[in-house]
Protein backbone atom coordinates (compact mmCIF):
# COMPACT_ATOMS: atom_id res chain seq x y z
CA MET A 1 9.53 6.25 29.93
CA GLY A 2 11.60 7.70 27.11
CA THR A 3 13.60 6.44 24.19
CA ARG A 4 16.11 3.63 24.30
CA GLU A 5 18.30 1.88 21.74
CA ILE A 6 17.98 -1.88 21.36
CA PRO A 7 21.42 -3.50 20.87
CA GLN A 8 21.61 -5.37 17.56
CA GLU A 9 22.18 -8.73 19.27
CA HIS A 10 18.73 -8.33 20.95
CA TRP A 11 16.74 -7.27 17.85
CA HIS A 12 15.19 -10.71 17.24
CA GLU A 13 14.11 -11.14 20.84
CA TYR A 14 12.75 -7.59 21.10
CA LEU A 15 10.88 -7.72 17.78
CA ASP A 16 9.40 -11.13 18.66
CA THR A 17 8.04 -9.61 21.87
CA VAL A 18 6.64 -6.59 20.02
CA ASN A 19 5.06 -8.84 17.38
CA LYS A 20 3.28 -10.93 20.01
CA ARG A 21 2.04 -7.94 22.03
CA MET A 22 1.21 -5.55 19.21
CA GLU A 23 -0.08 -7.83 16.43
CA SER A 24 -3.09 -6.27 14.65
CA HIS A 25 -2.45 -2.96 16.43
CA LEU A 26 -2.99 0.00 14.09
CA VAL A 27 0.16 1.79 13.00
CA THR A 28 1.35 4.61 10.78
CA VAL A 29 4.61 3.96 8.90
CA GLU A 30 6.78 6.80 7.62
CA SER A 31 9.99 6.79 5.63
CA GLU A 32 12.51 9.56 6.22
CA GLY A 33 15.31 10.05 3.70
CA GLU A 34 17.08 12.50 1.45
CA LEU A 35 13.86 13.11 -0.49
CA GLY A 36 11.99 14.07 2.68
CA ASN A 37 9.35 12.30 4.72
CA GLN A 38 6.79 10.02 3.11
CA ILE A 39 3.84 8.29 4.73
CA LEU A 40 3.87 4.68 3.55
CA ALA A 41 0.78 3.54 5.48
CA GLU A 42 -1.79 5.02 7.86
CA HIS A 43 -4.12 3.21 10.28
CA ALA A 44 -2.87 -0.18 9.03
CA PRO A 45 -2.93 -3.32 11.18
CA LEU A 46 0.53 -4.61 12.06
CA ILE A 47 1.29 -8.19 11.08
CA GLY A 48 4.91 -8.10 12.23
CA ILE A 49 8.36 -6.55 12.14
CA GLU A 50 10.75 -9.24 10.95
CA PRO A 51 14.49 -9.33 10.25
CA GLU A 52 15.15 -10.97 6.84
CA GLU A 53 17.70 -13.72 7.10
CA LYS A 54 17.60 -15.28 3.62
CA GLY A 55 17.54 -14.31 0.00
CA SER A 56 18.52 -11.10 -1.70
CA MET A 57 17.18 -8.95 1.16
CA LYS A 58 18.93 -10.78 4.00
CA CYS A 59 20.28 -7.44 5.13
CA ALA A 60 16.82 -5.97 5.87
CA ILE A 61 13.98 -5.67 8.34
CA ASP A 62 10.49 -6.07 6.88
CA VAL A 63 7.51 -4.23 8.30
CA GLN A 64 4.46 -6.31 7.36
CA LEU A 65 1.00 -4.72 7.41
CA GLY A 66 -2.51 -5.76 6.49
CA GLY A 67 -5.05 -8.41 7.22
CA LYS A 68 -3.93 -11.88 8.26
CA GLU A 69 -7.04 -13.43 6.69
CA SER A 70 -6.48 -11.80 3.29
CA PRO A 71 -2.98 -12.26 1.87
CA SER A 72 -3.81 -9.94 -1.03
CA SER A 73 -4.26 -7.03 1.39
CA ARG A 74 -0.78 -7.43 2.89
CA THR A 75 2.05 -5.00 2.20
CA VAL A 76 5.70 -5.30 3.11
CA HIS A 77 7.94 -2.27 3.69
CA PRO A 78 11.63 -3.28 3.91
CA ILE A 79 14.41 -1.18 5.33
CA ARG A 80 17.74 -2.24 3.89
CA CYS A 81 20.83 -2.80 5.98
CA PRO A 82 19.49 -1.58 9.32
CA ASN A 83 22.12 -0.50 11.79
CA ARG A 84 20.09 1.09 14.61
CA LEU A 85 16.77 0.31 16.30
CA LEU A 86 15.32 2.85 18.75
CA VAL A 87 12.07 2.52 20.66
CA LYS A 88 10.05 5.25 22.34
CA GLU A 89 8.05 3.77 25.20
CA ASP A 90 5.17 5.01 27.33
CA ALA A 91 5.15 4.93 31.14
CA LEU A 92 4.13 1.26 31.12
CA GLY A 93 6.97 0.26 28.79
CA GLU A 94 4.70 -0.23 25.76
CA PRO A 95 6.13 0.96 22.43
CA GLU A 96 4.74 4.24 21.10
CA ALA A 97 7.15 4.34 18.16
CA ILE A 98 9.99 2.30 16.70
CA ASP A 99 12.67 3.97 14.58
CA ILE A 100 14.74 1.72 12.33
CA GLU A 101 17.76 3.40 10.74
CA GLY A 102 19.76 1.96 7.89
CA GLU A 103 22.01 2.72 4.95
CA ASP A 104 21.55 1.61 1.35
CA PRO A 105 24.82 -0.19 0.51
CA SER A 106 24.67 0.74 -3.19
CA ASP A 107 24.86 4.52 -2.69
CA ARG A 108 25.28 4.99 1.06
CA THR A 109 21.93 6.79 1.33
CA ARG A 110 20.81 6.98 4.94
CA ILE A 111 17.27 5.80 5.51
CA LYS A 112 14.97 5.89 8.52
CA MET A 113 11.61 4.17 8.94
CA VAL A 114 9.33 5.20 11.78
CA ILE A 115 6.52 2.94 12.99
CA ARG A 116 4.03 4.83 15.17
CA PHE A 117 1.57 2.81 17.21
CA GLU A 118 -1.86 4.38 17.48
CA ALA A 119 -3.37 4.80 20.92
CA THR A 120 -6.02 2.25 21.78
CA SER A 121 -9.26 3.31 23.38
CA MET A 122 -10.26 1.57 26.58
């Protein structure tokens, strides 16, 4: 189906839909920045992708991974001050990858986090 940009005013609605449909789906999360690409997690179950609205990271989107039953196995990968959300979809409109782009306000470093959904076997 291709890649499309989600307008910022629709991020909450879109991410809520993704969270409901893709919860526990295995993902790989990569960070792309000035220091190169880094794999943050591989084959990890998705808990959710949530915009932060309070606290010191209110200008962030958190990618939460791990087991719902075991809070100690959870990890959170924030992307600060996101300004762009792109989704690559398959022919059925299911997300294959979500790119979240942002900029660190302290030093203007551009950051990109890529969440790749692993194919499920039927």
